[in-house]
C-alpha atoms as a PDB file:
ATOM      1  CA  UNK A   1     -31.601 -11.704  16.747  1.00  0.00           C
ATOM      2  CA  UNK A   2     -30.658 -10.998  20.355  1.00  0.00           C
ATOM      3  CA  UNK A   3     -28.330  -8.258  21.594  1.00  0.00           C
ATOM      4  CA  UNK A   4     -25.345 -10.630  21.773  1.00  0.00           C
ATOM      5  CA  UNK A   5     -25.799 -11.747  18.173  1.00  0.00           C
ATOM      6  CA  UNK A   6     -26.111  -8.116  17.106  1.00  0.00           C
ATOM      7  CA  UNK A   7     -22.919  -7.039  18.884  1.00  0.00           C
ATOM      8  CA  UNK A   8     -21.012 -10.009  17.478  1.00  0.00           C
ATOM      9  CA  UNK A   9     -22.230  -9.265  13.951  1.00  0.00           C
ATOM     10  CA  UNK A  10     -21.234  -5.591  14.167  1.00  0.00           C
ATOM     11  CA  UNK A  11     -17.858  -6.468  15.708  1.00  0.00           C
ATOM     12  CA  UNK A  12     -17.127  -9.010  12.989  1.00  0.00           C
ATOM     13  CA  UNK A  13     -18.379  -6.643  10.250  1.00  0.00           C
ATOM     14  CA  UNK A  14     -15.663  -4.236  11.388  1.00  0.00           C
ATOM     15  CA  UNK A  15     -13.006  -6.976  11.591  1.00  0.00           C
ATOM     16  CA  UNK A  16     -12.557  -6.526  15.331  1.00  0.00           C
ATOM     17  CA  UNK A  17     -11.572  -9.412  17.572  1.00  0.00           C
ATOM     18  CA  UNK A  18     -13.126  -9.681  21.015  1.00  0.00           C
ATOM     19  CA  UNK A  19      -9.770  -8.727  22.529  1.00  0.00           C
ATOM     20  CA  UNK A  20      -9.501  -5.638  20.308  1.00  0.00           C
ATOM     21  CA  UNK A  21     -13.010  -4.556  21.256  1.00  0.00           C
ATOM     22  CA  UNK A  22     -12.150  -5.192  24.887  1.00  0.00           C
ATOM     23  CA  UNK A  23      -9.072  -2.984  24.643  1.00  0.00           C
ATOM     24  CA  UNK A  24     -11.014  -0.200  22.910  1.00  0.00           C
ATOM     25  CA  UNK A  25     -14.020  -0.315  25.233  1.00  0.00           C
ATOM     26  CA  UNK A  26     -12.417  -1.208  28.589  1.00  0.00           C
ATOM     27  CA  UNK A  27     -14.941  -4.048  28.875  1.00  0.00           C
ATOM     28  CA  UNK A  28     -13.286  -7.374  29.688  1.00  0.00           C
ATOM     29  CA  UNK A  29     -13.078  -9.876  26.845  1.00  0.00           C
ATOM     30  CA  UNK A  30     -14.722 -12.637  28.926  1.00  0.00           C
ATOM     31  CA  UNK A  31     -17.662 -10.313  29.591  1.00  0.00           C
ATOM     32  CA  UNK A  32     -17.999  -9.472  25.875  1.00  0.00           C
ATOM     33  CA  UNK A  33     -17.916 -13.194  25.114  1.00  0.00           C
ATOM     34  CA  UNK A  34     -20.658 -13.821  27.675  1.00  0.00           C
ATOM     35  CA  UNK A  35     -22.819 -11.158  26.047  1.00  0.00           C
ATOM     36  CA  UNK A  36     -22.209 -12.537  22.547  1.00  0.00           C
ATOM     37  CA  UNK A  37     -22.954 -16.130  23.550  1.00  0.00           C
ATOM     38  CA  UNK A  38     -26.097 -15.196  25.475  1.00  0.00           C
ATOM     39  CA  UNK A  39     -24.733 -16.185  28.893  1.00  0.00           C
ATOM     40  CA  UNK A  40     -25.330 -12.573  29.915  1.00  0.00           C
ATOM     41  CA  UNK A  41     -28.384 -11.364  28.030  1.00  0.00           C
ATOM     42  CA  UNK A  42     -28.973  -8.159  30.015  1.00  0.00           C
ATOM     43  CA  UNK A  43     -25.821  -6.021  29.905  1.00  0.00           C
ATOM     44  CA  UNK A  44     -26.165  -2.536  31.357  1.00  0.00           C
ATOM     45  CA  UNK A  45     -26.755   0.499  29.175  1.00  0.00           C
ATOM     46  CA  UNK A  46     -23.288   1.701  30.169  1.00  0.00           C
ATOM     47  CA  UNK A  47     -21.645  -1.468  28.803  1.00  0.00           C
ATOM     48  CA  UNK A  48     -23.691  -1.338  25.596  1.00  0.00           C
ATOM     49  CA  UNK A  49     -22.743   2.312  25.168  1.00  0.00           C
ATOM     50  CA  UNK A  50     -19.033   1.550  25.627  1.00  0.00           C
ATOM     51  CA  UNK A  51     -19.188  -1.265  23.065  1.00  0.00           C
ATOM     52  CA  UNK A  52     -21.146   0.797  20.531  1.00  0.00           C
ATOM     53  CA  UNK A  53     -18.877   3.833  20.811  1.00  0.00           C
ATOM     54  CA  UNK A  54     -15.769   1.650  20.513  1.00  0.00           C
ATOM     55  CA  UNK A  55     -17.033  -0.040  17.348  1.00  0.00           C
ATOM     56  CA  UNK A  56     -17.993   3.317  15.803  1.00  0.00           C
ATOM     57  CA  UNK A  57     -14.692   4.979  16.733  1.00  0.00           C
ATOM     58  CA  UNK A  58     -12.716   2.023  15.370  1.00  0.00           C
ATOM     59  CA  UNK A  59     -14.426   2.379  12.006  1.00  0.00           C
ATOM     60  CA  UNK A  60     -13.995   6.150  11.937  1.00  0.00           C
ATOM     61  CA  UNK A  61     -10.289   5.852  12.819  1.00  0.00           C
ATOM     62  CA  UNK A  62      -9.704   3.372   9.999  1.00  0.00           C
ATOM     63  CA  UNK A  63     -11.571   5.596   7.544  1.00  0.00           C
ATOM     64  CA  UNK A  64      -9.537   8.590   8.715  1.00  0.00           C
ATOM     65  CA  UNK A  65      -6.254   6.710   8.369  1.00  0.00           C
ATOM     66  CA  UNK A  66      -7.188   5.453   4.902  1.00  0.00           C
ATOM     67  CA  UNK A  67      -8.122   8.976   3.806  1.00  0.00           C
ATOM     68  CA  UNK A  68      -4.928  10.393   5.321  1.00  0.00           C
ATOM     69  CA  UNK A  69      -2.815   7.826   3.454  1.00  0.00           C
ATOM     70  CA  UNK A  70      -4.536   8.732   0.192  1.00  0.00           C
ATOM     71  CA  UNK A  71      -4.041  12.460   0.778  1.00  0.00           C
ATOM     72  CA  UNK A  72      -0.440  11.972   1.920  1.00  0.00           C
ATOM     73  CA  UNK A  73       0.231   9.821  -1.145  1.00  0.00           C
ATOM     74  CA  UNK A  74      -1.158  12.553  -3.399  1.00  0.00           C
ATOM     75  CA  UNK A  75       1.073  15.160  -1.725  1.00  0.00           C
ATOM     76  CA  UNK A  76       4.126  12.979  -2.218  1.00  0.00           C
ATOM     77  CA  UNK A  77       3.180  12.446  -5.864  1.00  0.00           C
ATOM     78  CA  UNK A  78       2.852  16.183  -6.400  1.00  0.00           C
ATOM     79  CA  UNK A  79       6.253  16.847  -4.795  1.00  0.00           C
ATOM     80  CA  UNK A  80       7.950  14.143  -6.852  1.00  0.00           C
ATOM     81  CA  UNK A  81       6.503  15.494 -10.107  1.00  0.00           C
ATOM     82  CA  UNK A  82       7.672  19.057  -9.415  1.00  0.00           C
END
C-alpha cells in the first residue's frame, strides 16, 4: 500500500470526502486527489501532517458531538422527569 492508498483509506474510513478534507486541512482538493491516485507520490511532510491532523480532528469532533448529544439528552430527560 502506498501513501496515497493509505490516505484515501483513512479518509474514507472517517466518511470524509476529498473536498471536506481539503476544507479541514487547507490542502487543495486536486492536490489530495493527486496524492491518492499516485500522480504525486512524494508529498511533503507538512502536507502529510496537515492531512493527518485534519482526519484525526474530524473524528475527535464527531465523537465529542455525539457524546455531547448523549449528555444533553440525559440532562433533558432528567429535567422532564422532575
